Amino acid sequence: MQDDKEFFENRLNLFMQNGWRDLIEELSNLSTGIDSVLSIDNEKDLFYIRGQLSIINMLVNMEESTKLAMENSEESPSL
């Protein structure tokens, strides 16, 4: 099992890959196309699109979330 330091290093390495940057760009473009409520016909579609946007946002914000978690980990090391 990997420790926190290794986990964060692996994540940072992932974020530096061209494929990651391409994926984030594509997801960002996709989210702008599906975030309009005008195209939603019913409640089922609303919840489906909401789920899509939730996952996209999680991935798009993963780099920043990881960096914040890393900073918090460094500020308060476990006992």
C-alpha atoms as a PDB file:
ATOM      1  CA  MET A   1       0.000   0.000   0.000  1.00  0.00           C
ATOM      2  CA  GLN A   2       1.314   3.436  -0.901  1.00  0.00           C
ATOM      3  CA  ASP A   3       1.751   6.235   1.594  1.00  0.00           C
ATOM      4  CA  ASP A   4       0.383   9.760   1.204  1.00  0.00           C
ATOM      5  CA  LYS A   5       3.607  11.151  -0.242  1.00  0.00           C
ATOM      6  CA  GLU A   6       3.714   8.517  -2.972  1.00  0.00           C
ATOM      7  CA  PHE A   7       0.016   9.009  -3.691  1.00  0.00           C
ATOM      8  CA  PHE A   8       0.454  12.765  -4.144  1.00  0.00           C
ATOM      9  CA  GLU A   9       3.582  12.304  -6.285  1.00  0.00           C
ATOM     10  CA  ASN A  10       1.715   9.892  -8.552  1.00  0.00           C
ATOM     11  CA  ARG A  11      -1.165  12.340  -8.897  1.00  0.00           C
ATOM     12  CA  LEU A  12       1.199  15.222  -9.727  1.00  0.00           C
ATOM     13  CA  ASN A  13       2.906  13.056 -12.346  1.00  0.00           C
ATOM     14  CA  LEU A  14      -0.491  12.282 -13.866  1.00  0.00           C
ATOM     15  CA  PHE A  15      -1.338  15.973 -14.135  1.00  0.00           C
ATOM     16  CA  MET A  16       1.848  16.642 -16.085  1.00  0.00           C
ATOM     17  CA  GLN A  17       0.942  14.163 -18.840  1.00  0.00           C
ATOM     18  CA  ASN A  18      -0.256  15.470 -22.198  1.00  0.00           C
ATOM     19  CA  GLY A  19      -3.115  12.986 -22.153  1.00  0.00           C
ATOM     20  CA  TRP A  20      -4.408  14.436 -18.877  1.00  0.00           C
ATOM     21  CA  ARG A  21      -4.324  17.965 -20.284  1.00  0.00           C
ATOM     22  CA  ASP A  22      -6.154  16.786 -23.407  1.00  0.00           C
ATOM     23  CA  LEU A  23      -8.797  15.035 -21.309  1.00  0.00           C
ATOM     24  CA  ILE A  24      -9.388  18.092 -19.120  1.00  0.00           C
ATOM     25  CA  GLU A  25      -9.683  20.344 -22.161  1.00  0.00           C
ATOM     26  CA  GLU A  26     -12.178  17.970 -23.758  1.00  0.00           C
ATOM     27  CA  LEU A  27     -14.221  17.674 -20.563  1.00  0.00           C
ATOM     28  CA  SER A  28     -14.272  21.448 -20.127  1.00  0.00           C
ATOM     29  CA  ASN A  29     -15.543  21.854 -23.681  1.00  0.00           C
ATOM     30  CA  LEU A  30     -18.136  19.144 -23.108  1.00  0.00           C
ATOM     31  CA  SER A  31     -19.401  20.763 -19.913  1.00  0.00           C
ATOM     32  CA  THR A  32     -20.071  24.061 -21.667  1.00  0.00           C
ATOM     33  CA  GLY A  33     -22.230  22.184 -24.154  1.00  0.00           C
ATOM     34  CA  ILE A  34     -24.379  20.405 -21.579  1.00  0.00           C
ATOM     35  CA  ASP A  35     -24.789  22.996 -18.850  1.00  0.00           C
ATOM     36  CA  SER A  36     -27.740  24.764 -20.451  1.00  0.00           C
ATOM     37  CA  VAL A  37     -31.056  24.080 -18.743  1.00  0.00           C
ATOM     38  CA  LEU A  38     -32.865  25.154 -21.890  1.00  0.00           C
ATOM     39  CA  SER A  39     -32.218  21.810 -23.553  1.00  0.00           C
ATOM     40  CA  ILE A  40     -33.591  19.711 -20.675  1.00  0.00           C
ATOM     41  CA  ASP A  41     -36.956  18.143 -21.492  1.00  0.00           C
ATOM     42  CA  ASN A  42     -37.801  16.380 -18.233  1.00  0.00           C
ATOM     43  CA  GLU A  43     -36.723  15.607 -14.686  1.00  0.00           C
ATOM     44  CA  LYS A  44     -34.951  12.392 -15.676  1.00  0.00           C
ATOM     45  CA  ASP A  45     -32.750  14.298 -18.155  1.00  0.00           C
ATOM     46  CA  LEU A  46     -32.094  16.967 -15.530  1.00  0.00           C
ATOM     47  CA  PHE A  47     -30.702  14.433 -13.062  1.00  0.00           C
ATOM     48  CA  TYR A  48     -28.714  12.664 -15.796  1.00  0.00           C
ATOM     49  CA  ILE A  49     -27.060  15.922 -16.884  1.00  0.00           C
ATOM     50  CA  ARG A  50     -26.506  16.905 -13.275  1.00  0.00           C
ATOM     51  CA  GLY A  51     -24.615  13.634 -12.739  1.00  0.00           C
ATOM     52  CA  GLN A  52     -22.529  14.203 -15.852  1.00  0.00           C
ATOM     53  CA  LEU A  53     -21.576  17.702 -14.750  1.00  0.00           C
ATOM     54  CA  SER A  54     -20.741  16.493 -11.257  1.00  0.00           C
ATOM     55  CA  ILE A  55     -18.265  13.929 -12.602  1.00  0.00           C
ATOM     56  CA  ILE A  56     -16.782  16.390 -15.094  1.00  0.00           C
ATOM     57  CA  ASN A  57     -16.307  18.994 -12.363  1.00  0.00           C
ATOM     58  CA  MET A  58     -14.656  16.446 -10.084  1.00  0.00           C
ATOM     59  CA  LEU A  59     -12.123  15.549 -12.787  1.00  0.00           C
ATOM     60  CA  VAL A  60     -11.523  19.126 -13.933  1.00  0.00           C
ATOM     61  CA  ASN A  61     -10.882  20.213 -10.331  1.00  0.00           C
ATOM     62  CA  MET A  62      -8.856  17.150  -9.313  1.00  0.00           C
ATOM     63  CA  GLU A  63      -5.477  18.823  -9.795  1.00  0.00           C
ATOM     64  CA  GLU A  64      -6.351  21.771  -7.553  1.00  0.00           C
ATOM     65  CA  SER A  65      -8.010  19.481  -4.988  1.00  0.00           C
ATOM     66  CA  THR A  66      -4.926  17.291  -4.878  1.00  0.00           C
ATOM     67  CA  LYS A  67      -2.625  20.276  -4.368  1.00  0.00           C
ATOM     68  CA  LEU A  68      -4.816  21.556  -1.519  1.00  0.00           C
ATOM     69  CA  ALA A  69      -4.880  18.126   0.109  1.00  0.00           C
ATOM     70  CA  MET A  70      -1.108  17.937  -0.225  1.00  0.00           C
ATOM     71  CA  GLU A  71      -0.686  21.321   1.467  1.00  0.00           C
ATOM     72  CA  ASN A  72      -3.030  20.303   4.285  1.00  0.00           C
ATOM     73  CA  SER A  73      -1.157  17.039   4.713  1.00  0.00           C
ATOM     74  CA  GLU A  74       2.159  18.862   4.998  1.00  0.00           C
ATOM     75  CA  GLU A  75       0.757  21.380   7.499  1.00  0.00           C
ATOM     76  CA  SER A  76      -0.697  18.747   9.819  1.00  0.00           C
ATOM     77  CA  PRO A  77       1.287  15.494   9.615  1.00  0.00           C
ATOM     78  CA  SER A  78      -0.341  12.484  11.201  1.00  0.00           C
ATOM     79  CA  LEU A  79       0.855  11.384  14.623  1.00  0.00           C
END
